């Protein structure tokens, strides 16, 4: 059980940001070659979605229990 929890933590802390960085790099490389395209915008949007922290609602933000 601890090993599974540790593996999940490693994926969330290391792999997801690394994947987001690679996707962003690929998007920039595509834009440098031929300008902004639908594919490069989609890649950038995907990288942004992977990097963002989940939005906290005001209801949950005030609770401390």
PDB file of N, CA and C in Angstrom:
ATOM      1  N   UNK A   1       0.820  -1.187   0.000  1.00  0.00           N
ATOM      2  CA  UNK A   1       0.000   0.000   0.000  1.00  0.00           C
ATOM      3  C   UNK A   1       0.869   1.258   0.000  1.00  0.00           C
ATOM      4  N   UNK A   2       1.927   1.251   0.784  1.00  0.00           N
ATOM      5  CA  UNK A   2       2.820   2.406   0.829  1.00  0.00           C
ATOM      6  C   UNK A   2       3.530   2.573  -0.513  1.00  0.00           C
ATOM      7  N   UNK A   3       3.911   1.475  -1.126  1.00  0.00           N
ATOM      8  CA  UNK A   3       4.591   1.548  -2.419  1.00  0.00           C
ATOM      9  C   UNK A   3       3.680   2.156  -3.483  1.00  0.00           C
ATOM     10  N   UNK A   4       2.411   1.798  -3.466  1.00  0.00           N
ATOM     11  CA  UNK A   4       1.463   2.342  -4.437  1.00  0.00           C
ATOM     12  C   UNK A   4       1.265   3.844  -4.206  1.00  0.00           C
ATOM     13  N   UNK A   5       1.201   4.238  -2.948  1.00  0.00           N
ATOM     14  CA  UNK A   5       1.059   5.652  -2.618  1.00  0.00           C
ATOM     15  C   UNK A   5       2.296   6.439  -3.047  1.00  0.00           C
ATOM     16  N   UNK A   6       3.466   5.874  -2.812  1.00  0.00           N
ATOM     17  CA  UNK A   6       4.709   6.520  -3.214  1.00  0.00           C
ATOM     18  C   UNK A   6       4.791   6.637  -4.736  1.00  0.00           C
ATOM     19  N   UNK A   7       4.395   5.597  -5.443  1.00  0.00           N
ATOM     20  CA  UNK A   7       4.419   5.634  -6.908  1.00  0.00           C
ATOM     21  C   UNK A   7       3.476   6.708  -7.438  1.00  0.00           C
ATOM     22  N   UNK A   8       2.315   6.828  -6.846  1.00  0.00           N
ATOM     23  CA  UNK A   8       1.359   7.854  -7.266  1.00  0.00           C
ATOM     24  C   UNK A   8       1.930   9.255  -7.012  1.00  0.00           C
ATOM     25  N   UNK A   9       2.592   9.422  -5.871  1.00  0.00           N
ATOM     26  CA  UNK A   9       3.186  10.707  -5.528  1.00  0.00           C
ATOM     27  C   UNK A   9       4.287  11.068  -6.535  1.00  0.00           C
ATOM     28  N   UNK A  10       5.124  10.078  -6.879  1.00  0.00           N
ATOM     29  CA  UNK A  10       6.207  10.330  -7.837  1.00  0.00           C
ATOM     30  C   UNK A  10       5.629  10.763  -9.180  1.00  0.00           C
ATOM     31  N   UNK A  11       4.577  10.127  -9.612  1.00  0.00           N
ATOM     32  CA  UNK A  11       3.968  10.490 -10.890  1.00  0.00           C
ATOM     33  C   UNK A  11       3.451  11.915 -10.838  1.00  0.00           C
ATOM     34  N   UNK A  12       2.772  12.271  -9.779  1.00  0.00           N
ATOM     35  CA  UNK A  12       2.182  13.610  -9.698  1.00  0.00           C
ATOM     36  C   UNK A  12       3.242  14.699  -9.517  1.00  0.00           C
ATOM     37  N   UNK A  13       4.290  14.416  -8.790  1.00  0.00           N
ATOM     38  CA  UNK A  13       5.287  15.445  -8.485  1.00  0.00           C
ATOM     39  C   UNK A  13       6.353  15.561  -9.569  1.00  0.00           C
ATOM     40  N   UNK A  14       6.706  14.476 -10.198  1.00  0.00           N
ATOM     41  CA  UNK A  14       7.812  14.505 -11.151  1.00  0.00           C
ATOM     42  C   UNK A  14       7.338  14.333 -12.594  1.00  0.00           C
ATOM     43  N   UNK A  15       6.572  13.303 -12.861  1.00  0.00           N
ATOM     44  CA  UNK A  15       6.247  12.968 -14.251  1.00  0.00           C
ATOM     45  C   UNK A  15       5.316  13.978 -14.908  1.00  0.00           C
ATOM     46  N   UNK A  16       4.283  14.411 -14.216  1.00  0.00           N
ATOM     47  CA  UNK A  16       3.309  15.325 -14.841  1.00  0.00           C
ATOM     48  C   UNK A  16       3.954  16.670 -15.192  1.00  0.00           C
ATOM     49  N   UNK A  17       4.713  17.315 -14.290  1.00  0.00           N
ATOM     50  CA  UNK A  17       5.373  18.561 -14.707  1.00  0.00           C
ATOM     51  C   UNK A  17       6.401  18.363 -15.822  1.00  0.00           C
ATOM     52  N   UNK A  18       7.079  17.220 -15.815  1.00  0.00           N
ATOM     53  CA  UNK A  18       8.039  16.940 -16.870  1.00  0.00           C
ATOM     54  C   UNK A  18       7.327  16.787 -18.219  1.00  0.00           C
ATOM     55  N   UNK A  19       6.226  16.092 -18.223  1.00  0.00           N
ATOM     56  CA  UNK A  19       5.441  15.937 -19.456  1.00  0.00           C
ATOM     57  C   UNK A  19       4.926  17.298 -19.931  1.00  0.00           C
ATOM     58  N   UNK A  20       4.476  18.133 -19.006  1.00  0.00           N
ATOM     59  CA  UNK A  20       3.994  19.467 -19.370  1.00  0.00           C
ATOM     60  C   UNK A  20       5.120  20.293 -19.988  1.00  0.00           C
ATOM     61  N   UNK A  21       6.322  20.190 -19.445  1.00  0.00           N
ATOM     62  CA  UNK A  21       7.462  20.939 -19.986  1.00  0.00           C
ATOM     63  C   UNK A  21       7.810  20.465 -21.395  1.00  0.00           C
ATOM     64  N   UNK A  22       7.764  19.161 -21.621  1.00  0.00           N
ATOM     65  CA  UNK A  22       8.060  18.629 -22.955  1.00  0.00           C
ATOM     66  C   UNK A  22       6.999  19.080 -23.955  1.00  0.00           C
ATOM     67  N   UNK A  23       5.747  19.056 -23.560  1.00  0.00           N
ATOM     68  CA  UNK A  23       4.667  19.494 -24.452  1.00  0.00           C
ATOM     69  C   UNK A  23       4.824  20.981 -24.777  1.00  0.00           C
ATOM     70  N   UNK A  24       5.172  21.792 -23.767  1.00  0.00           N
ATOM     71  CA  UNK A  24       5.371  23.227 -24.006  1.00  0.00           C
ATOM     72  C   UNK A  24       6.556  23.451 -24.949  1.00  0.00           C
ATOM     73  N   UNK A  25       7.639  22.690 -24.760  1.00  0.00           N
ATOM     74  CA  UNK A  25       8.804  22.812 -25.637  1.00  0.00           C
ATOM     75  C   UNK A  25       8.420  22.475 -27.077  1.00  0.00           C
ATOM     76  N   UNK A  26       7.647  21.406 -27.248  1.00  0.00           N
ATOM     77  CA  UNK A  26       7.204  21.008 -28.581  1.00  0.00           C
ATOM     78  C   UNK A  26       6.329  22.090 -29.215  1.00  0.00           C
ATOM     79  N   UNK A  27       5.463  22.696 -28.425  1.00  0.00           N
ATOM     80  CA  UNK A  27       4.609  23.764 -28.930  1.00  0.00           C
ATOM     81  C   UNK A  27       5.440  24.955 -29.405  1.00  0.00           C
ATOM     82  N   UNK A  28       6.435  25.333 -28.609  1.00  0.00           N
ATOM     83  CA  UNK A  28       7.302  26.455 -29.006  1.00  0.00           C
ATOM     84  C   UNK A  28       8.085  26.136 -30.267  1.00  0.00           C
ATOM     85  N   UNK A  29       8.576  24.892 -30.373  1.00  0.00           N
ATOM     86  CA  UNK A  29       9.327  24.502 -31.563  1.00  0.00           C
ATOM     87  C   UNK A  29       8.452  24.577 -32.811  1.00  0.00           C
ATOM     88  N   UNK A  30       7.217  24.132 -32.703  1.00  0.00           N
ATOM     89  CA  UNK A  30       6.297  24.215 -33.839  1.00  0.00           C
ATOM     90  C   UNK A  30       6.007  25.667 -34.211  1.00  0.00           C
ATOM     91  N   UNK A  31       5.829  26.522 -33.205  1.00  0.00           N
ATOM     92  CA  UNK A  31       5.532  27.926 -33.487  1.00  0.00           C
ATOM     93  C   UNK A  31       6.728  28.645 -34.099  1.00  0.00           C
ATOM     94  N   UNK A  32       7.937  28.268 -33.717  1.00  0.00           N
ATOM     95  CA  UNK A  32       9.118  28.893 -34.313  1.00  0.00           C
ATOM     96  C   UNK A  32       9.251  28.525 -35.787  1.00  0.00           C
ATOM     97  N   UNK A  33       8.856  27.324 -36.141  1.00  0.00           N
ATOM     98  CA  UNK A  33       8.975  26.879 -37.535  1.00  0.00           C
ATOM     99  C   UNK A  33       7.940  27.512 -38.445  1.00  0.00           C
ATOM    100  N   UNK A  34       6.684  27.526 -38.007  1.00  0.00           N
ATOM    101  CA  UNK A  34       5.655  27.965 -38.938  1.00  0.00           C
ATOM    102  C   UNK A  34       4.623  28.906 -38.351  1.00  0.00           C
ATOM    103  N   UNK A  35       4.923  29.517 -37.222  1.00  0.00           N
ATOM    104  CA  UNK A  35       3.951  30.401 -36.612  1.00  0.00           C
ATOM    105  C   UNK A  35       2.923  29.617 -35.814  1.00  0.00           C
ATOM    106  N   UNK A  36       1.961  30.326 -35.309  1.00  0.00           N
ATOM    107  CA  UNK A  36       0.936  29.706 -34.480  1.00  0.00           C
ATOM    108  C   UNK A  36      -0.020  28.884 -35.336  1.00  0.00           C
ATOM    109  N   UNK A  37      -0.200  27.636 -34.941  1.00  0.00           N
ATOM    110  CA  UNK A  37      -1.132  26.759 -35.645  1.00  0.00           C
ATOM    111  C   UNK A  37      -2.114  26.190 -34.633  1.00  0.00           C
ATOM    112  N   UNK A  38      -3.119  25.530 -35.119  1.00  0.00           N
ATOM    113  CA  UNK A  38      -4.099  24.913 -34.232  1.00  0.00           C
ATOM    114  C   UNK A  38      -3.419  23.879 -33.334  1.00  0.00           C
ATOM    115  N   UNK A  39      -2.487  23.138 -33.898  1.00  0.00           N
ATOM    116  CA  UNK A  39      -1.781  22.108 -33.127  1.00  0.00           C
ATOM    117  C   UNK A  39      -0.921  22.730 -32.028  1.00  0.00           C
ATOM    118  N   UNK A  40      -0.185  23.784 -32.355  1.00  0.00           N
ATOM    119  CA  UNK A  40       0.677  24.398 -31.344  1.00  0.00           C
ATOM    120  C   UNK A  40      -0.157  25.039 -30.238  1.00  0.00           C
ATOM    121  N   UNK A  41      -1.297  25.625 -30.584  1.00  0.00           N
ATOM    122  CA  UNK A  41      -2.160  26.210 -29.550  1.00  0.00           C
ATOM    123  C   UNK A  41      -2.752  25.130 -28.662  1.00  0.00           C
ATOM    124  N   UNK A  42      -3.135  23.998 -29.261  1.00  0.00           N
ATOM    125  CA  UNK A  42      -3.675  22.886 -28.479  1.00  0.00           C
ATOM    126  C   UNK A  42      -2.608  22.326 -27.538  1.00  0.00           C
ATOM    127  N   UNK A  43      -1.388  22.188 -28.026  1.00  0.00           N
ATOM    128  CA  UNK A  43      -0.308  21.706 -27.168  1.00  0.00           C
ATOM    129  C   UNK A  43      -0.049  22.667 -26.017  1.00  0.00           C
ATOM    130  N   UNK A  44      -0.030  23.974 -26.303  1.00  0.00           N
ATOM    131  CA  UNK A  44       0.195  24.968 -25.249  1.00  0.00           C
ATOM    132  C   UNK A  44      -0.927  24.927 -24.222  1.00  0.00           C
ATOM    133  N   UNK A  45      -2.154  24.813 -24.700  1.00  0.00           N
ATOM    134  CA  UNK A  45      -3.306  24.741 -23.799  1.00  0.00           C
ATOM    135  C   UNK A  45      -3.227  23.493 -22.911  1.00  0.00           C
ATOM    136  N   UNK A  46      -2.816  22.379 -23.492  1.00  0.00           N
ATOM    137  CA  UNK A  46      -2.666  21.139 -22.728  1.00  0.00           C
ATOM    138  C   UNK A  46      -1.581  21.282 -21.668  1.00  0.00           C
ATOM    139  N   UNK A  47      -0.463  21.885 -22.021  1.00  0.00           N
ATOM    140  CA  UNK A  47       0.619  22.080 -21.056  1.00  0.00           C
ATOM    141  C   UNK A  47       0.161  22.996 -19.920  1.00  0.00           C
ATOM    142  N   UNK A  48      -0.588  24.027 -20.246  1.00  0.00           N
ATOM    143  CA  UNK A  48      -1.110  24.916 -19.205  1.00  0.00           C
ATOM    144  C   UNK A  48      -2.060  24.172 -18.275  1.00  0.00           C
ATOM    145  N   UNK A  49      -2.897  23.317 -18.833  1.00  0.00           N
ATOM    146  CA  UNK A  49      -3.847  22.562 -18.008  1.00  0.00           C
ATOM    147  C   UNK A  49      -3.120  21.592 -17.081  1.00  0.00           C
ATOM    148  N   UNK A  50      -2.023  21.003 -17.542  1.00  0.00           N
ATOM    149  CA  UNK A  50      -1.265  20.080 -16.700  1.00  0.00           C
ATOM    150  C   UNK A  50      -0.521  20.806 -15.590  1.00  0.00           C
ATOM    151  N   UNK A  51      -0.098  22.039 -15.835  1.00  0.00           N
ATOM    152  CA  UNK A  51       0.669  22.778 -14.841  1.00  0.00           C
ATOM    153  C   UNK A  51      -0.197  23.401 -13.767  1.00  0.00           C
ATOM    154  N   UNK A  52      -1.429  23.730 -14.099  1.00  0.00           N
ATOM    155  CA  UNK A  52      -2.289  24.435 -13.153  1.00  0.00           C
ATOM    156  C   UNK A  52      -2.653  23.589 -11.951  1.00  0.00           C
ATOM    157  N   UNK A  53      -2.768  24.253 -10.825  1.00  0.00           N
ATOM    158  CA  UNK A  53      -3.278  23.593  -9.637  1.00  0.00           C
ATOM    159  C   UNK A  53      -4.795  23.631  -9.708  1.00  0.00           C
ATOM    160  N   UNK A  54      -5.449  22.644  -9.124  1.00  0.00           N
ATOM    161  CA  UNK A  54      -6.906  22.650  -9.164  1.00  0.00           C
ATOM    162  C   UNK A  54      -7.479  23.892  -8.481  1.00  0.00           C
ATOM    163  N   UNK A  55      -8.506  24.431  -9.070  1.00  0.00           N
ATOM    164  CA  UNK A  55      -9.145  25.618  -8.504  1.00  0.00           C
ATOM    165  C   UNK A  55      -9.865  25.254  -7.216  1.00  0.00           C
ATOM    166  N   UNK A  56      -9.702  26.099  -6.229  1.00  0.00           N
ATOM    167  CA  UNK A  56     -10.394  25.879  -4.964  1.00  0.00           C
ATOM    168  C   UNK A  56     -11.588  26.809  -4.904  1.00  0.00           C
ATOM    169  N   UNK A  57     -12.706  26.270  -4.541  1.00  0.00           N
ATOM    170  CA  UNK A  57     -13.898  27.100  -4.422  1.00  0.00           C
ATOM    171  C   UNK A  57     -13.812  27.904  -3.145  1.00  0.00           C
ATOM    172  N   UNK A  58     -14.542  28.996  -3.085  1.00  0.00           N
ATOM    173  CA  UNK A  58     -14.516  29.841  -1.881  1.00  0.00           C
ATOM    174  C   UNK A  58     -15.082  29.084  -0.682  1.00  0.00           C
ATOM    175  N   UNK A  59     -16.031  28.208  -0.934  1.00  0.00           N
ATOM    176  CA  UNK A  59     -16.594  27.424   0.164  1.00  0.00           C
ATOM    177  C   UNK A  59     -15.527  26.581   0.842  1.00  0.00           C
ATOM    178  N   UNK A  60     -14.774  25.859   0.051  1.00  0.00           N
ATOM    179  CA  UNK A  60     -13.766  24.956   0.608  1.00  0.00           C
ATOM    180  C   UNK A  60     -12.582  25.717   1.160  1.00  0.00           C
ATOM    181  N   UNK A  61     -12.255  26.885   0.600  1.00  0.00           N
ATOM    182  CA  UNK A  61     -11.083  27.622   1.033  1.00  0.00           C
ATOM    183  C   UNK A  61     -11.230  28.103   2.479  1.00  0.00           C
ATOM    184  N   UNK A  62     -12.445  28.398   2.905  1.00  0.00           N
ATOM    185  CA  UNK A  62     -12.646  28.911   4.250  1.00  0.00           C
ATOM    186  C   UNK A  62     -12.709  27.845   5.314  1.00  0.00           C
ATOM    187  N   UNK A  63     -12.952  26.621   4.928  1.00  0.00           N
ATOM    188  CA  UNK A  63     -13.065  25.541   5.902  1.00  0.00           C
ATOM    189  C   UNK A  63     -11.708  25.076   6.370  1.00  0.00           C
ATOM    190  N   UNK A  64     -11.590  24.818   7.649  1.00  0.00           N
ATOM    191  CA  UNK A  64     -10.323  24.348   8.196  1.00  0.00           C
ATOM    192  C   UNK A  64     -10.446  22.985   8.860  1.00  0.00           C
ATOM    193  N   UNK A  65     -11.523  22.291   8.663  1.00  0.00           N
ATOM    194  CA  UNK A  65     -11.720  20.991   9.302  1.00  0.00           C
ATOM    195  C   UNK A  65     -11.627  19.962   8.315  1.00  0.00           C
TER     196      UNK A  65
END
